[in-house]
Amino acid sequence: MAARLAIIVSTSAGSDEKKGLERRLEEFFVSRNRDARIWVANSGDEVPDLARRALAENADLIAAGGGDGTINAVASVLAETGKILGVLPLGTLNHFAKDLGIPLDLEQAAQILVDGTPARIDVGEVNGRIFVNNSSLGLYPSIVHGRETLQDRLEYGKWPAFLWASLSVLRRYAILEARLRVDDRELVRHTPFIFVGNNRYQVEGFNIGGRTTLDSGWLWLYTTREIGRLGLLRFGLRALLRSLRKDKDFDMMRTKEIVIEARHSSRLRVATDGEVIVMQTPLHYRIRPGALRVMVPNTKVESRGSAIAS
């Protein structure tokens, strides 16, 4: 018996485009003889409520159609429930879909909801908030906050706003003074960024930002000691030239838990899967192994043998 399927779509498209997308999905699943309940969220705030509604209606497979923020919102509801997350990549970067091997073409991604295979993957957590990709402090949350301000108040486009916010943040170049407890180690860092990945990220070469596994059961911490703007540029070049791990000022380690305290603030901007909120410190990070079931291509499972459990 086919799993009961619910789809929650949240995109930045206009109302006509959303209606067109809804019709395309309806026609696709009718052609596959699958009954799919489709909801279109009018805002990102509606997504978790719709996911909880789908859960209450006992859908077995609940798909998120949107960017990584939308996927995070649905995954946060489904973690530890045993229900399966589906992914329809409709965002700009679609990091999570790429790491799972899900095609960016809508119909190809939708086909995986029909004939894919469920797999268990890890999720990260910071102060109770889940992330499927990563969480960061320092430069990136400040840039995203600035971008959102420019978009909301001055009606900038996303990428122009991101560029101007980046220039503004780099001009101020605030340094985060933090104490980190990583397993049995304690680190004190004056750093422009702290990055925590759900599983290991590629940090060198031209495939920076990708992951080859999402079920290792480890968080990965990346940070650097205090470097100026030129040092940050050299840092980027060393990453491209694959010599970053030899950099004495760069920390990269795997761990199960991290506790972060800020020296001069009890509240910090924290990015989780591209969404920024203010959190009370200390920040307590932990890994939740196998907490989320997700539908992936059959080839993804076959290529990894028994590394992914259903």
Foldseek 3Di string as FASTA:
>chain_A
DAFAAEEEEEEPDDPVVVVVVVVVLVVLCVVVVHDYHYHYDPDLVCLLVVLVVCVVVPGQEYEYHEAQSSQQSNQLNFFQVNRAYAYQYPYDPRQVCVQLVQDNDRSSSVVLSVDFDKWFFKWKDKPRRIFQWKKKFALQLQLLVQLVVCCVPVVDDNVVSSVVSNVVCLVVQAWFFKWKDFPPDIDTAGFRMKMKTQADFQQAAPRGRHDNGGFPQKIKIKTFHDDHPVVVVVCNVCRRVVNNVVDPGIDIDIGFKMWMDTDPDQWGWMDGSRDTDIDGDRMIMGMDGRRHMYTGHRVSCVVVDVSIDD
